[in-house]
PDB file of N, CA and C in Angstrom:
ATOM      1  N   MET A   1     -31.133  -2.679 -64.768  1.00  0.00           N
ATOM      2  CA  MET A   1     -30.731  -2.248 -63.447  1.00  0.00           C
ATOM      3  C   MET A   1     -30.535  -0.731 -63.458  1.00  0.00           C
ATOM      4  N   THR A   2     -30.988  -0.115 -62.428  1.00  0.00           N
ATOM      5  CA  THR A   2     -30.819   1.331 -62.360  1.00  0.00           C
ATOM      6  C   THR A   2     -29.396   1.675 -61.941  1.00  0.00           C
ATOM      7  N   ASP A   3     -29.024   2.894 -62.243  1.00  0.00           N
ATOM      8  CA  ASP A   3     -27.682   3.351 -61.885  1.00  0.00           C
ATOM      9  C   ASP A   3     -27.472   3.337 -60.376  1.00  0.00           C
ATOM     10  N   MET A   4     -28.515   3.696 -59.625  1.00  0.00           N
ATOM     11  CA  MET A   4     -28.408   3.735 -58.152  1.00  0.00           C
ATOM     12  C   MET A   4     -28.193   2.332 -57.596  1.00  0.00           C
ATOM     13  N   ARG A   5     -28.916   1.388 -58.123  1.00  0.00           N
ATOM     14  CA  ARG A   5     -28.781   0.008 -57.656  1.00  0.00           C
ATOM     15  C   ARG A   5     -27.394  -0.539 -57.994  1.00  0.00           C
ATOM     16  N   LEU A   6     -26.913  -0.251 -59.169  1.00  0.00           N
ATOM     17  CA  LEU A   6     -25.589  -0.680 -59.590  1.00  0.00           C
ATOM     18  C   LEU A   6     -24.508  -0.042 -58.703  1.00  0.00           C
ATOM     19  N   GLN A   7     -24.690   1.225 -58.379  1.00  0.00           N
ATOM     20  CA  GLN A   7     -23.731   1.915 -57.511  1.00  0.00           C
ATOM     21  C   GLN A   7     -23.721   1.283 -56.109  1.00  0.00           C
ATOM     22  N   ASN A   8     -24.890   0.954 -55.581  1.00  0.00           N
ATOM     23  CA  ASN A   8     -24.973   0.301 -54.267  1.00  0.00           C
ATOM     24  C   ASN A   8     -24.255  -1.047 -54.274  1.00  0.00           C
ATOM     25  N   LEU A   9     -24.439  -1.808 -55.334  1.00  0.00           N
ATOM     26  CA  LEU A   9     -23.766  -3.101 -55.433  1.00  0.00           C
ATOM     27  C   LEU A   9     -22.251  -2.932 -55.520  1.00  0.00           C
ATOM     28  N   GLU A  10     -21.787  -1.939 -56.253  1.00  0.00           N
ATOM     29  CA  GLU A  10     -20.359  -1.674 -56.357  1.00  0.00           C
ATOM     30  C   GLU A  10     -19.773  -1.252 -55.007  1.00  0.00           C
ATOM     31  N   GLU A  11     -20.523  -0.439 -54.254  1.00  0.00           N
ATOM     32  CA  GLU A  11     -20.063  -0.011 -52.931  1.00  0.00           C
ATOM     33  C   GLU A  11     -19.962  -1.202 -51.978  1.00  0.00           C
ATOM     34  N   LYS A  12     -20.965  -2.061 -51.994  1.00  0.00           N
ATOM     35  CA  LYS A  12     -20.942  -3.242 -51.130  1.00  0.00           C
ATOM     36  C   LYS A  12     -19.806  -4.181 -51.516  1.00  0.00           C
ATOM     37  N   THR A  13     -19.564  -4.328 -52.801  1.00  0.00           N
ATOM     38  CA  THR A  13     -18.462  -5.166 -53.268  1.00  0.00           C
ATOM     39  C   THR A  13     -17.130  -4.591 -52.808  1.00  0.00           C
ATOM     40  N   ALA A  14     -16.967  -3.282 -52.894  1.00  0.00           N
ATOM     41  CA  ALA A  14     -15.729  -2.637 -52.447  1.00  0.00           C
ATOM     42  C   ALA A  14     -15.531  -2.831 -50.952  1.00  0.00           C
ATOM     43  N   GLU A  15     -16.602  -2.694 -50.167  1.00  0.00           N
ATOM     44  CA  GLU A  15     -16.517  -2.902 -48.724  1.00  0.00           C
ATOM     45  C   GLU A  15     -16.119  -4.343 -48.402  1.00  0.00           C
ATOM     46  N   LEU A  16     -16.713  -5.281 -49.113  1.00  0.00           N
ATOM     47  CA  LEU A  16     -16.392  -6.691 -48.880  1.00  0.00           C
ATOM     48  C   LEU A  16     -14.944  -6.998 -49.244  1.00  0.00           C
ATOM     49  N   LEU A  17     -14.458  -6.424 -50.328  1.00  0.00           N
ATOM     50  CA  LEU A  17     -13.057  -6.621 -50.717  1.00  0.00           C
ATOM     51  C   LEU A  17     -12.115  -6.035 -49.671  1.00  0.00           C
ATOM     52  N   LYS A  18     -12.446  -4.859 -49.152  1.00  0.00           N
ATOM     53  CA  LYS A  18     -11.632  -4.234 -48.111  1.00  0.00           C
ATOM     54  C   LYS A  18     -11.612  -5.098 -46.854  1.00  0.00           C
ATOM     55  N   THR A  19     -12.769  -5.584 -46.451  1.00  0.00           N
ATOM     56  CA  THR A  19     -12.855  -6.443 -45.265  1.00  0.00           C
ATOM     57  C   THR A  19     -12.067  -7.732 -45.467  1.00  0.00           C
ATOM     58  N   THR A  20     -12.165  -8.301 -46.649  1.00  0.00           N
ATOM     59  CA  THR A  20     -11.416  -9.529 -46.956  1.00  0.00           C
ATOM     60  C   THR A  20      -9.914  -9.284 -46.870  1.00  0.00           C
ATOM     61  N   ASP A  21      -9.445  -8.164 -47.394  1.00  0.00           N
ATOM     62  CA  ASP A  21      -8.021  -7.831 -47.319  1.00  0.00           C
ATOM     63  C   ASP A  21      -7.573  -7.639 -45.871  1.00  0.00           C
ATOM     64  N   GLU A  22      -8.395  -6.947 -45.069  1.00  0.00           N
ATOM     65  CA  GLU A  22      -8.055  -6.731 -43.666  1.00  0.00           C
ATOM     66  C   GLU A  22      -7.980  -8.059 -42.911  1.00  0.00           C
ATOM     67  N   LEU A  23      -8.938  -8.937 -43.148  1.00  0.00           N
ATOM     68  CA  LEU A  23      -8.942 -10.240 -42.484  1.00  0.00           C
ATOM     69  C   LEU A  23      -7.750 -11.085 -42.919  1.00  0.00           C
ATOM     70  N   SER A  24      -7.389 -10.975 -44.177  1.00  0.00           N
ATOM     71  CA  SER A  24      -6.223 -11.708 -44.673  1.00  0.00           C
ATOM     72  C   SER A  24      -4.955 -11.240 -43.965  1.00  0.00           C
ATOM     73  N   ASP A  25      -4.826  -9.928 -43.774  1.00  0.00           N
ATOM     74  CA  ASP A  25      -3.666  -9.392 -43.057  1.00  0.00           C
ATOM     75  C   ASP A  25      -3.639  -9.870 -41.610  1.00  0.00           C
ATOM     76  N   ILE A  26      -4.788  -9.886 -40.977  1.00  0.00           N
ATOM     77  CA  ILE A  26      -4.877 -10.349 -39.585  1.00  0.00           C
ATOM     78  C   ILE A  26      -4.481 -11.813 -39.482  1.00  0.00           C
ATOM     79  N   ILE A  27      -4.976 -12.624 -40.395  1.00  0.00           N
ATOM     80  CA  ILE A  27      -4.656 -14.058 -40.384  1.00  0.00           C
ATOM     81  C   ILE A  27      -3.165 -14.275 -40.607  1.00  0.00           C
ATOM     82  N   ALA A  28      -2.571 -13.514 -41.512  1.00  0.00           N
ATOM     83  CA  ALA A  28      -1.132 -13.646 -41.770  1.00  0.00           C
ATOM     84  C   ALA A  28      -0.330 -13.276 -40.524  1.00  0.00           C
ATOM     85  N   ARG A  29      -0.727 -12.197 -39.841  1.00  0.00           N
ATOM     86  CA  ARG A  29      -0.044 -11.790 -38.609  1.00  0.00           C
ATOM     87  C   ARG A  29      -0.180 -12.861 -37.533  1.00  0.00           C
ATOM     88  N   GLN A  30      -1.371 -13.407 -37.377  1.00  0.00           N
ATOM     89  CA  GLN A  30      -1.594 -14.445 -36.377  1.00  0.00           C
ATOM     90  C   GLN A  30      -0.795 -15.701 -36.704  1.00  0.00           C
ATOM     91  N   GLU A  31      -0.664 -16.028 -37.967  1.00  0.00           N
ATOM     92  CA  GLU A  31       0.120 -17.191 -38.369  1.00  0.00           C
ATOM     93  C   GLU A  31       1.589 -17.009 -37.969  1.00  0.00           C
ATOM     94  N   ARG A  32       2.119 -15.790 -38.182  1.00  0.00           N
ATOM     95  CA  ARG A  32       3.505 -15.513 -37.771  1.00  0.00           C
ATOM     96  C   ARG A  32       3.656 -15.616 -36.257  1.00  0.00           C
ATOM     97  N   GLU A  33       2.691 -15.056 -35.515  1.00  0.00           N
ATOM     98  CA  GLU A  33       2.744 -15.111 -34.050  1.00  0.00           C
ATOM     99  C   GLU A  33       2.668 -16.550 -33.550  1.00  0.00           C
ATOM    100  N   ILE A  34       1.806 -17.346 -34.135  1.00  0.00           N
ATOM    101  CA  ILE A  34       1.678 -18.748 -33.744  1.00  0.00           C
ATOM    102  C   ILE A  34       2.969 -19.492 -34.028  1.00  0.00           C
ATOM    103  N   SER A  35       3.598 -19.192 -35.142  1.00  0.00           N
ATOM    104  CA  SER A  35       4.859 -19.836 -35.495  1.00  0.00           C
ATOM    105  C   SER A  35       5.939 -19.512 -34.463  1.00  0.00           C
ATOM    106  N   VAL A  36       6.033 -18.239 -34.084  1.00  0.00           N
ATOM    107  CA  VAL A  36       7.028 -17.831 -33.082  1.00  0.00           C
ATOM    108  C   VAL A  36       6.739 -18.510 -31.742  1.00  0.00           C
ATOM    109  N   LEU A  37       5.492 -18.510 -31.329  1.00  0.00           N
ATOM    110  CA  LEU A  37       5.130 -19.118 -30.049  1.00  0.00           C
ATOM    111  C   LEU A  37       5.365 -20.625 -30.051  1.00  0.00           C
ATOM    112  N   THR A  38       5.071 -21.279 -31.169  1.00  0.00           N
ATOM    113  CA  THR A  38       5.322 -22.716 -31.284  1.00  0.00           C
ATOM    114  C   THR A  38       6.809 -23.006 -31.152  1.00  0.00           C
ATOM    115  N   HIS A  39       7.630 -22.180 -31.786  1.00  0.00           N
ATOM    116  CA  HIS A  39       9.081 -22.356 -31.695  1.00  0.00           C
ATOM    117  C   HIS A  39       9.552 -22.177 -30.250  1.00  0.00           C
ATOM    118  N   ARG A  40       9.021 -21.175 -29.558  1.00  0.00           N
ATOM    119  CA  ARG A  40       9.406 -20.942 -28.158  1.00  0.00           C
ATOM    120  C   ARG A  40       8.997 -22.106 -27.268  1.00  0.00           C
ATOM    121  N   VAL A  41       7.808 -22.643 -27.476  1.00  0.00           N
ATOM    122  CA  VAL A  41       7.358 -23.780 -26.681  1.00  0.00           C
ATOM    123  C   VAL A  41       8.260 -24.987 -26.932  1.00  0.00           C
ATOM    124  N   GLN A  42       8.632 -25.215 -28.190  1.00  0.00           N
ATOM    125  CA  GLN A  42       9.529 -26.328 -28.502  1.00  0.00           C
ATOM    126  C   GLN A  42      10.874 -26.153 -27.820  1.00  0.00           C
ATOM    127  N   MET A  43      11.385 -24.918 -27.804  1.00  0.00           N
ATOM    128  CA  MET A  43      12.655 -24.657 -27.121  1.00  0.00           C
ATOM    129  C   MET A  43      12.536 -24.932 -25.623  1.00  0.00           C
ATOM    130  N   LEU A  44      11.451 -24.478 -25.018  1.00  0.00           N
ATOM    131  CA  LEU A  44      11.249 -24.701 -23.582  1.00  0.00           C
ATOM    132  C   LEU A  44      11.094 -26.185 -23.263  1.00  0.00           C
ATOM    133  N   MET A  45      10.375 -26.909 -24.109  1.00  0.00           N
ATOM    134  CA  MET A  45      10.206 -28.352 -23.895  1.00  0.00           C
ATOM    135  C   MET A  45      11.554 -29.060 -24.002  1.00  0.00           C
ATOM    136  N   SER A  46      12.353 -28.654 -24.974  1.00  0.00           N
ATOM    137  CA  SER A  46      13.666 -29.250 -25.147  1.00  0.00           C
ATOM    138  C   SER A  46      14.553 -28.944 -23.944  1.00  0.00           C
ATOM    139  N   ARG A  47      14.531 -27.714 -23.502  1.00  0.00           N
ATOM    140  CA  ARG A  47      15.335 -27.308 -22.354  1.00  0.00           C
ATOM    141  C   ARG A  47      14.910 -28.062 -21.084  1.00  0.00           C
ATOM    142  N   GLU A  48      13.614 -28.211 -20.903  1.00  0.00           N
ATOM    143  CA  GLU A  48      13.115 -28.940 -19.728  1.00  0.00           C
ATOM    144  C   GLU A  48      13.481 -30.415 -19.818  1.00  0.00           C
ATOM    145  N   GLY A  49      13.431 -30.976 -21.028  1.00  0.00           N
ATOM    146  CA  GLY A  49      13.826 -32.374 -21.215  1.00  0.00           C
ATOM    147  C   GLY A  49      15.284 -32.581 -20.864  1.00  0.00           C
ATOM    148  N   GLU A  50      16.140 -31.643 -21.272  1.00  0.00           N
ATOM    149  CA  GLU A  50      17.555 -31.729 -20.928  1.00  0.00           C
ATOM    150  C   GLU A  50      17.757 -31.613 -19.424  1.00  0.00           C
ATOM    151  N   ARG A  51      17.010 -30.717 -18.783  1.00  0.00           N
ATOM    152  CA  ARG A  51      17.126 -30.538 -17.339  1.00  0.00           C
ATOM    153  C   ARG A  51      16.722 -31.813 -16.593  1.00  0.00           C
ATOM    154  N   GLU A  52      15.647 -32.440 -17.039  1.00  0.00           N
ATOM    155  CA  GLU A  52      15.210 -33.675 -16.399  1.00  0.00           C
ATOM    156  C   GLU A  52      16.213 -34.803 -16.626  1.00  0.00           C
ATOM    157  N   ALA A  53      16.804 -34.845 -17.808  1.00  0.00           N
ATOM    158  CA  ALA A  53      17.791 -35.877 -18.119  1.00  0.00           C
ATOM    159  C   ALA A  53      19.033 -35.726 -17.248  1.00  0.00           C
ATOM    160  N   GLN A  54      19.352 -34.502 -16.878  1.00  0.00           N
ATOM    161  CA  GLN A  54      20.520 -34.256 -16.038  1.00  0.00           C
ATOM    162  C   GLN A  54      20.194 -34.433 -14.556  1.00  0.00           C
ATOM    163  N   GLY A  55      18.937 -34.658 -14.246  1.00  0.00           N
ATOM    164  CA  GLY A  55      18.539 -34.862 -12.860  1.00  0.00           C
ATOM    165  C   GLY A  55      18.349 -33.572 -12.092  1.00  0.00           C
ATOM    166  N   GLY A  56      18.338 -32.475 -12.754  1.00  0.00           N
ATOM    167  CA  GLY A  56      18.157 -31.187 -12.086  1.00  0.00           C
ATOM    168  C   GLY A  56      16.761 -30.654 -12.248  1.00  0.00           C
ATOM    169  N   GLY A  57      15.782 -31.506 -12.237  1.00  0.00           N
ATOM    170  CA  GLY A  57      14.410 -31.078 -12.481  1.00  0.00           C
ATOM    171  C   GLY A  57      13.707 -30.532 -11.267  1.00  0.00           C
ATOM    172  N   GLY A  58      14.392 -30.508 -10.112  1.00  0.00           N
ATOM    173  CA  GLY A  58      13.747 -30.029  -8.898  1.00  0.00           C
ATOM    174  C   GLY A  58      13.601 -28.524  -8.879  1.00  0.00           C
ATOM    175  N   VAL A  59      12.689 -28.066  -8.063  1.00  0.00           N
ATOM    176  CA  VAL A  59      12.442 -26.643  -7.920  1.00  0.00           C
ATOM    177  C   VAL A  59      13.149 -26.166  -6.659  1.00  0.00           C
ATOM    178  N   VAL A  60      13.919 -25.095  -6.765  1.00  0.00           N
ATOM    179  CA  VAL A  60      14.608 -24.541  -5.618  1.00  0.00           C
ATOM    180  C   VAL A  60      13.692 -23.506  -4.974  1.00  0.00           C
ATOM    181  N   LEU A  61      13.372 -23.727  -3.707  1.00  0.00           N
ATOM    182  CA  LEU A  61      12.526 -22.790  -2.983  1.00  0.00           C
ATOM    183  C   LEU A  61      13.398 -21.737  -2.324  1.00  0.00           C
ATOM    184  N   GLY A  62      12.828 -20.588  -2.016  1.00  0.00           N
ATOM    185  CA  GLY A  62      13.583 -19.484  -1.455  1.00  0.00           C
ATOM    186  C   GLY A  62      14.220 -19.775  -0.112  1.00  0.00           C
ATOM    187  N   ASP A  63      13.604 -20.635   0.714  1.00  0.00           N
ATOM    188  CA  ASP A  63      14.159 -20.892   2.053  1.00  0.00           C
ATOM    189  C   ASP A  63      15.073 -22.111   2.096  1.00  0.00           C
ATOM    190  N   GLU A  64      15.321 -22.747   0.974  1.00  0.00           N
ATOM    191  CA  GLU A  64      16.234 -23.897   0.942  1.00  0.00           C
ATOM    192  C   GLU A  64      17.652 -23.418   0.725  1.00  0.00           C
ATOM    193  N   ARG A  65      18.592 -24.133   1.309  1.00  0.00           N
ATOM    194  CA  ARG A  65      20.000 -23.831   1.079  1.00  0.00           C
ATOM    195  C   ARG A  65      20.429 -24.429  -0.263  1.00  0.00           C
ATOM    196  N   PRO A  66      21.244 -23.692  -0.994  1.00  0.00           N
ATOM    197  CA  PRO A  66      21.777 -24.246  -2.235  1.00  0.00           C
ATOM    198  C   PRO A  66      22.663 -25.456  -1.933  1.00  0.00           C
ATOM    199  N   PRO A  67      22.854 -26.369  -2.886  1.00  0.00           N
ATOM    200  CA  PRO A  67      23.602 -27.600  -2.635  1.00  0.00           C
ATOM    201  C   PRO A  67      25.056 -27.390  -2.277  1.00  0.00           C
ATOM    202  N   HIS A  68      25.658 -26.236  -2.534  1.00  0.00           N
ATOM    203  CA  HIS A  68      27.061 -26.043  -2.233  1.00  0.00           C
ATOM    204  C   HIS A  68      27.334 -25.652  -0.782  1.00  0.00           C
ATOM    205  N   TYR A  69      26.287 -25.497   0.050  1.00  0.00           N
ATOM    206  CA  TYR A  69      26.493 -25.191   1.466  1.00  0.00           C
ATOM    207  C   TYR A  69      26.797 -26.436   2.261  1.00  0.00           C
TER     208      TYR A  69
END
């Protein structure tokens, strides 16, 4: 193998390693974001379940009078 060919292969290998590291960082960040979002959705589902269990699942519209009137 010539020195030039070997150098080209080393450069391509370095580029691939850099790209792999960058993608790994992106995947790790996305995994953290998905975890946070999953936790938030679970909290909202739990909160909505409690609201429905208490019978307060209705939506209050702007032109409706509150129940204390």
